[in-house]
Structures are given as C-alpha cells and as structure tokens.
C-alpha cells in the first residue's frame, strides 16, 4: 500500500503563534459557541486580565501562563486599568504525531483517556522563558526556525506533562462532546490526510458508520461547520501556509490543495483571510 505524503511535511509549522495580543472583554454567550479542538496557551507578559475558563475564574498577571484544554469554554470577562498583554500558542492535537513518544500523543491523552492539563501556572519562569523564545524564533525566522520552535514546544509540553496533567472531571456535556467527536473523528482524519482529493458527504458518513443525516448533524455540532465547509476551509488554511512558505504560484497551490478552479480558490481565500492570495505572497 502506497503512503501519500503531505506536501507540507517539510514546510509547515503546524501550529499558530500570535505574538503581542491585547485582552478584550468577550461576549460570554458568543464565546460559549466558539469551542475549538486546539490546546491554547497564553503567556501574559504585562498587565492583568480575568478569564472565565469552564466554570473557573482566573486572574492572569505578568509572568503567568494559562492553558485551555480542547473544547474547553473560555472568555475574557474583565480587564484591569493596565490591560493584559500576552502571546498565544495554538497547538493542534496532532502536533507531535509520528514522534513515537507515547506521552506526546495528545489526542489519545486528552480525548480518549480523558485527562486534562491544569489551567493556571502562576509566575512560571520556565514556561514563560520558553514561550518568549518561541516568539523570538517566530519573529526573526532565522534558518531552521521551525526546527527550533518544534524543539521548544516539545520542551514546553515536557514541563506541562510533568507538572500539570490531572485526571479530567468531565461533565455530562463534555462527555457528550467527546462522544460526538469520537464519532466523526474518522472523517476529520480523512480530510486532514486527503484534503486534495475529491470526497463526498456520503463517503465521509460511511467512514463514520452512520447515516448521512446523523453525520451532518453531529459534524456541525462538533466543528460548527458542515463537512464541505470544513474541507474547504482546511484546504484554504493549507494553501495559506504554502503561500507564505513556498515559491509555488497561486494556480499551483490551488491545484495542490484540491481546488480545480483557481478563481473560486481566490474568492474563498479572500473571504477567509481578507486579502487575495497574490497579496499574501507579496507580503512574505
């Protein structure tokens, strides 16, 4: 059986780094509908902000690190006179996939085994220093910066795994979300591994061994998108990485990501990112 290689294996960073964020008060009702699968890590380097994470209130100050687990509700509910400033890391559960290290199989650890990371690491200099180094690598983009970042993220999780892993106290709601996620996981994995290929809702439902109607309903609950919207947006996200990190033309990237019509690709990309693919290439 042949193994299809991912065109981003050598090029993608496979995580999101957002330096120098500023705390803003969220609408809690809206935030409750915006759960995400990634592990979100915030390092506050200035000011103060109060966060609602699940049912817990956390006041983060300079030097504190806050960790949000997958599908864990969170929102900023208060900002002090000195508004909180922080760096954000968004780590997908598949970040360490293929590493061969069982402790780093985050999807199994957090979703299948039901464990969770502690939410609050007050004044943790080790974690803070690592995150600051990740941001510096990301900003400077020196040769092999992706290798350096992956090493730093590995070090970051080694500390969190040693000092901040606990058994999850799951609610009936979180159990329901976990069950629904497990049900559509075969479809999500297929999309991530085969995004350039043609696929139908019927085929994805068949992979999950459920009816098309039930699949569509559960997939929308888990991802907040239809399966075809999720596939389109995933292709666009992959294309954005290629635009920023390769010399391929817009047409080549559109085709590599499964878009047969480059004009449709350009329209979708502009809707999602606010600029044209050509302008994105010119910015890098």
Protein backbone atom coordinates (compact mmCIF):
# COMPACT_ATOMS: atom_id res chain seq x y z
CA UNK A 1 0.00 0.00 0.00
CA UNK A 2 1.47 3.34 -1.00
CA UNK A 3 1.64 6.15 1.53
CA UNK A 4 0.61 9.58 0.33
CA UNK A 5 3.00 12.28 1.50
CA UNK A 6 1.69 15.58 2.76
CA UNK A 7 3.12 18.46 0.65
CA UNK A 8 3.58 20.47 3.83
CA UNK A 9 5.70 17.89 5.70
CA UNK A 10 8.89 19.93 5.22
CA UNK A 11 7.37 23.37 5.11
CA UNK A 12 4.58 23.83 7.62
CA UNK A 13 4.92 24.94 11.20
CA UNK A 14 1.68 23.09 12.10
CA UNK A 15 0.70 25.47 14.89
CA UNK A 16 -0.46 29.06 15.27
CA UNK A 17 1.65 31.68 17.05
CA UNK A 18 0.07 35.06 17.74
CA UNK A 19 2.50 37.43 19.49
CA UNK A 20 1.57 40.57 21.41
CA UNK A 21 -2.17 40.11 21.89
CA UNK A 22 -4.20 42.58 23.95
CA UNK A 23 -7.00 41.40 26.25
CA UNK A 24 -10.51 42.37 25.21
CA UNK A 25 -13.72 41.52 27.04
CA UNK A 26 -15.61 38.75 25.24
CA UNK A 27 -19.34 38.27 24.88
CA UNK A 28 -19.71 35.17 27.01
CA UNK A 29 -22.76 33.80 25.21
CA UNK A 30 -20.98 34.04 21.86
CA UNK A 31 -17.73 32.58 23.25
CA UNK A 32 -19.59 29.54 24.56
CA UNK A 33 -20.34 28.61 20.94
CA UNK A 34 -16.71 29.01 19.84
CA UNK A 35 -15.06 25.94 21.32
CA UNK A 36 -12.00 24.68 19.49
CA UNK A 37 -10.01 21.47 19.42
CA UNK A 38 -6.54 23.01 19.75
CA UNK A 39 -4.71 23.45 23.04
CA UNK A 40 -4.47 27.21 23.61
CA UNK A 41 -1.62 28.57 25.74
CA UNK A 42 -1.40 32.22 26.79
CA UNK A 43 1.69 33.77 28.36
CA UNK A 44 0.97 37.15 29.97
CA UNK A 45 3.94 39.49 29.98
CA UNK A 46 2.22 42.73 31.01
CA UNK A 47 -0.96 43.93 32.71
CA UNK A 48 -3.88 41.96 34.10
CA UNK A 49 -6.95 40.17 32.75
CA UNK A 50 -9.62 37.99 34.35
CA UNK A 51 -10.62 34.91 32.38
CA UNK A 52 -13.56 32.56 32.74
CA UNK A 53 -12.35 29.04 31.87
CA UNK A 54 -15.07 26.44 32.13
CA UNK A 55 -16.63 27.42 35.45
CA UNK A 56 -13.36 28.66 36.97
CA UNK A 57 -12.30 32.31 37.19
CA UNK A 58 -8.59 33.03 36.73
CA UNK A 59 -6.89 36.41 37.10
CA UNK A 60 -3.73 36.40 34.99
CA UNK A 61 -0.88 38.84 35.59
CA UNK A 62 2.56 39.37 34.09
CA UNK A 63 4.54 36.14 34.26
CA UNK A 64 1.50 33.83 34.39
CA UNK A 65 0.74 31.07 31.88
CA UNK A 66 -2.83 29.95 31.18
CA UNK A 67 -3.69 26.71 29.36
CA UNK A 68 -7.07 25.97 27.73
CA UNK A 69 -7.82 22.33 27.04
CA UNK A 70 -9.59 21.13 23.85
CA UNK A 71 -13.30 22.05 23.76
CA UNK A 72 -12.97 24.00 27.00
CA UNK A 73 -15.02 27.17 27.12
CA UNK A 74 -13.04 30.34 27.85
CA UNK A 75 -13.58 34.08 27.65
CA UNK A 76 -12.05 37.30 28.97
CA UNK A 77 -14.56 38.85 31.37
CA UNK A 78 -12.59 41.71 32.94
CA UNK A 79 -9.54 43.85 32.18
CA UNK A 80 -7.66 45.92 34.73
CA UNK A 81 -6.54 49.51 34.20
CA UNK A 82 -3.31 48.04 32.83
CA UNK A 83 -4.77 45.78 30.14
CA UNK A 84 -3.31 42.29 29.85
CA UNK A 85 -0.84 41.70 27.03
CA UNK A 86 0.15 38.18 26.10
CA UNK A 87 1.49 35.77 23.49
CA UNK A 88 -0.79 32.98 22.26
CA UNK A 89 0.13 29.49 21.06
CA UNK A 90 -2.49 27.27 19.40
CA UNK A 91 -1.24 23.68 19.41
CA UNK A 92 -3.19 21.06 17.41
CA UNK A 93 -3.63 17.67 18.99
CA UNK A 94 -1.69 16.10 16.11
CA UNK A 95 1.34 18.37 16.58
CA UNK A 96 3.59 15.52 17.76
CA UNK A 97 2.03 12.77 15.63
CA UNK A 98 4.62 10.32 14.38
CA UNK A 99 7.12 11.23 17.11
CA UNK A 100 6.95 7.73 18.57
CA UNK A 101 6.69 9.17 22.08
CA UNK A 102 3.55 7.88 23.81
CA UNK A 103 3.38 10.80 26.26
CA UNK A 104 3.12 13.22 23.33
CA UNK A 105 0.10 11.54 21.71
CA UNK A 106 -2.10 14.45 22.81
CA UNK A 107 -5.26 13.29 21.05
CA UNK A 108 -5.19 9.96 22.88
CA UNK A 109 -4.17 11.56 26.16
CA UNK A 110 -6.78 14.33 26.28
CA UNK A 111 -9.69 12.91 24.32
CA UNK A 112 -9.50 9.13 24.61
CA UNK A 113 -8.04 8.87 28.14
CA UNK A 114 -9.93 11.87 29.48
CA UNK A 115 -7.00 13.62 31.14
CA UNK A 116 -6.62 17.41 31.16
CA UNK A 117 -3.90 19.99 31.69
CA UNK A 118 -4.03 22.34 34.64
CA UNK A 119 -5.41 25.70 33.68
CA UNK A 120 -3.17 28.08 35.63
CA UNK A 121 0.62 28.21 36.01
CA UNK A 122 1.32 31.34 38.09
CA UNK A 123 4.69 33.05 37.68
CA UNK A 124 6.22 30.02 35.97
CA UNK A 125 9.53 31.36 34.69
CA UNK A 126 10.44 28.17 32.85
CA UNK A 127 7.28 28.14 30.76
CA UNK A 128 7.40 31.89 30.25
CA UNK A 129 11.01 31.81 29.04
CA UNK A 130 10.27 29.01 26.57
CA UNK A 131 7.27 30.84 25.13
CA UNK A 132 9.29 34.05 24.79
CA UNK A 133 11.97 32.10 22.89
CA UNK A 134 9.30 30.59 20.61
CA UNK A 135 8.01 34.06 19.79
CA UNK A 136 11.53 35.36 19.10
CA UNK A 137 12.20 32.44 16.74
CA UNK A 138 8.88 33.07 15.02
CA UNK A 139 9.53 36.79 14.58
CA UNK A 140 13.16 36.50 13.44
CA UNK A 141 12.63 33.48 11.16
CA UNK A 142 16.29 32.56 11.06
CA UNK A 143 17.37 29.40 9.20
CA UNK A 144 15.84 26.25 10.76
CA UNK A 145 13.49 28.34 12.92
CA UNK A 146 10.75 25.71 12.55
CA UNK A 147 13.09 23.05 13.93
CA UNK A 148 13.94 25.33 16.84
CA UNK A 149 10.27 26.05 17.53
CA UNK A 150 9.31 22.38 17.49
CA UNK A 151 12.10 21.64 19.95
CA UNK A 152 10.93 24.43 22.24
CA UNK A 153 7.30 23.29 22.06
CA UNK A 154 8.45 19.77 22.96
CA UNK A 155 10.30 21.18 25.97
CA UNK A 156 7.22 23.21 26.90
CA UNK A 157 5.00 20.13 26.92
CA UNK A 158 7.55 18.08 28.85
CA UNK A 159 7.18 20.57 31.71
CA UNK A 160 3.39 20.72 31.44
CA UNK A 161 3.11 16.93 31.30
CA UNK A 162 5.27 16.58 34.41
CA UNK A 163 3.64 19.27 36.47
CA UNK A 164 0.20 19.99 35.08
CA UNK A 165 -1.56 16.79 34.00
CA UNK A 166 -4.59 15.71 36.01
CA UNK A 167 -7.50 13.33 35.63
CA UNK A 168 -10.37 15.11 33.95
CA UNK A 169 -13.52 15.81 35.95
CA UNK A 170 -15.82 15.53 32.97
CA UNK A 171 -19.36 16.87 32.98
CA UNK A 172 -22.19 15.23 31.08
CA UNK A 173 -21.86 18.00 28.47
CA UNK A 174 -18.13 17.39 27.95
CA UNK A 175 -18.80 13.64 27.77
CA UNK A 176 -21.37 14.27 25.06
CA UNK A 177 -18.90 16.41 23.12
CA UNK A 178 -16.23 13.74 23.46
CA UNK A 179 -18.63 11.05 22.22
CA UNK A 180 -19.63 13.16 19.23
CA UNK A 181 -16.02 13.95 18.44
CA UNK A 182 -15.08 10.28 18.53
CA UNK A 183 -17.95 9.53 16.17
CA UNK A 184 -16.79 11.97 13.46
CA UNK A 185 -13.05 11.52 14.07
CA UNK A 186 -12.61 9.14 11.08
CA UNK A 187 -14.00 11.85 8.79
CA UNK A 188 -11.78 14.54 10.32
CA UNK A 189 -8.69 12.36 9.93
CA UNK A 190 -9.61 11.55 6.33
CA UNK A 191 -10.00 15.24 5.49
CA UNK A 192 -6.65 16.14 7.07
CA UNK A 193 -4.79 13.32 5.35
CA UNK A 194 -6.51 13.52 1.95
CA UNK A 195 -7.65 17.13 1.61
CA UNK A 196 -6.55 17.47 -2.08
CA UNK A 197 -8.82 14.58 -3.10
CA UNK A 198 -12.46 14.71 -4.13
CA UNK A 199 -14.76 13.47 -1.40
CA UNK A 200 -18.47 13.47 -0.66
CA UNK A 201 -20.56 13.77 2.47
CA UNK A 202 -21.90 10.28 1.77
CA UNK A 203 -18.38 8.83 1.78
CA UNK A 204 -17.42 10.63 5.00
CA UNK A 205 -20.60 9.40 6.70
CA UNK A 206 -19.80 5.87 5.54
CA UNK A 207 -16.34 6.14 7.13
CA UNK A 208 -18.04 7.02 10.40
CA UNK A 209 -20.55 4.17 10.01
CA UNK A 210 -23.60 6.41 10.47
CA UNK A 211 -26.34 7.77 8.24
CA UNK A 212 -25.70 10.87 6.17
CA UNK A 213 -28.33 12.85 8.11
CA UNK A 214 -26.91 11.92 11.53
CA UNK A 215 -23.35 12.53 10.36
CA UNK A 216 -24.19 16.03 9.09
CA UNK A 217 -25.92 16.95 12.34
CA UNK A 218 -23.11 15.70 14.62
CA UNK A 219 -20.32 17.08 12.41
CA UNK A 220 -21.91 20.54 12.56
CA UNK A 221 -22.17 20.37 16.36
CA UNK A 222 -18.51 19.36 16.74
CA UNK A 223 -16.90 21.72 14.20
CA UNK A 224 -19.55 24.47 13.84
CA UNK A 225 -19.32 23.86 10.08
CA UNK A 226 -20.73 21.46 7.54
CA UNK A 227 -18.33 18.77 6.31
CA UNK A 228 -17.84 20.51 2.97
CA UNK A 229 -17.28 23.87 4.66
CA UNK A 230 -14.70 22.26 6.95
CA UNK A 231 -12.95 20.66 3.95
CA UNK A 232 -12.93 23.96 2.03
CA UNK A 233 -11.60 25.95 4.99
CA UNK A 234 -8.97 23.31 5.77
CA UNK A 235 -7.77 23.48 2.16
CA UNK A 236 -7.63 27.28 2.43
CA UNK A 237 -5.59 27.07 5.65
CA UNK A 238 -3.13 24.68 3.99
CA UNK A 239 -2.94 26.99 0.98
CA UNK A 240 -2.13 29.94 3.26
CA UNK A 241 0.87 28.05 4.65
CA UNK A 242 2.05 27.23 1.14
CA UNK A 243 1.63 30.84 0.03
CA UNK A 244 3.80 32.01 2.91
CA UNK A 245 6.47 29.34 2.72
CA UNK A 246 6.93 28.20 -0.90
CA UNK A 247 7.69 29.68 -4.29
CA UNK A 248 4.75 27.91 -5.95
CA UNK A 249 2.36 30.02 -8.00
CA UNK A 250 -1.19 30.71 -6.84
CA UNK A 251 -2.50 28.32 -9.51
CA UNK A 252 -0.13 25.54 -8.43
CA UNK A 253 -1.11 25.99 -4.79
CA UNK A 254 -4.82 26.00 -5.62
CA UNK A 255 -4.44 22.72 -7.51
CA UNK A 256 -2.26 21.15 -4.81
CA UNK A 257 -4.96 21.90 -2.24
CA UNK A 258 -7.82 20.40 -4.25
CA UNK A 259 -9.24 23.46 -5.99
CA UNK A 260 -9.88 22.79 -9.67
CA UNK A 261 -10.99 26.39 -10.27
CA UNK A 262 -8.36 28.97 -9.33
CA UNK A 263 -10.90 31.81 -9.45
CA UNK A 264 -13.08 30.01 -6.90
CA UNK A 265 -9.99 29.43 -4.76
CA UNK A 266 -9.13 33.14 -4.86
CA UNK A 267 -12.67 34.10 -3.84
CA UNK A 268 -12.70 31.63 -0.95
CA UNK A 269 -9.24 32.70 0.21
CA UNK A 270 -10.18 36.38 0.23
CA UNK A 271 -13.36 35.68 2.20
CA UNK A 272 -11.38 33.72 4.80
CA UNK A 273 -8.28 35.94 5.08
CA UNK A 274 -9.43 39.34 3.82
CA UNK A 275 -6.77 39.65 1.11
CA UNK A 276 -6.09 37.98 -2.23
CA UNK A 277 -3.66 35.04 -2.46
CA UNK A 278 -1.39 37.18 -4.64
CA UNK A 279 -1.12 39.88 -1.98
CA UNK A 280 -0.42 37.22 0.63
CA UNK A 281 2.56 36.02 -1.40
CA UNK A 282 3.83 39.57 -1.82
CA UNK A 283 3.76 40.10 1.95
CA UNK A 284 6.14 37.22 2.69
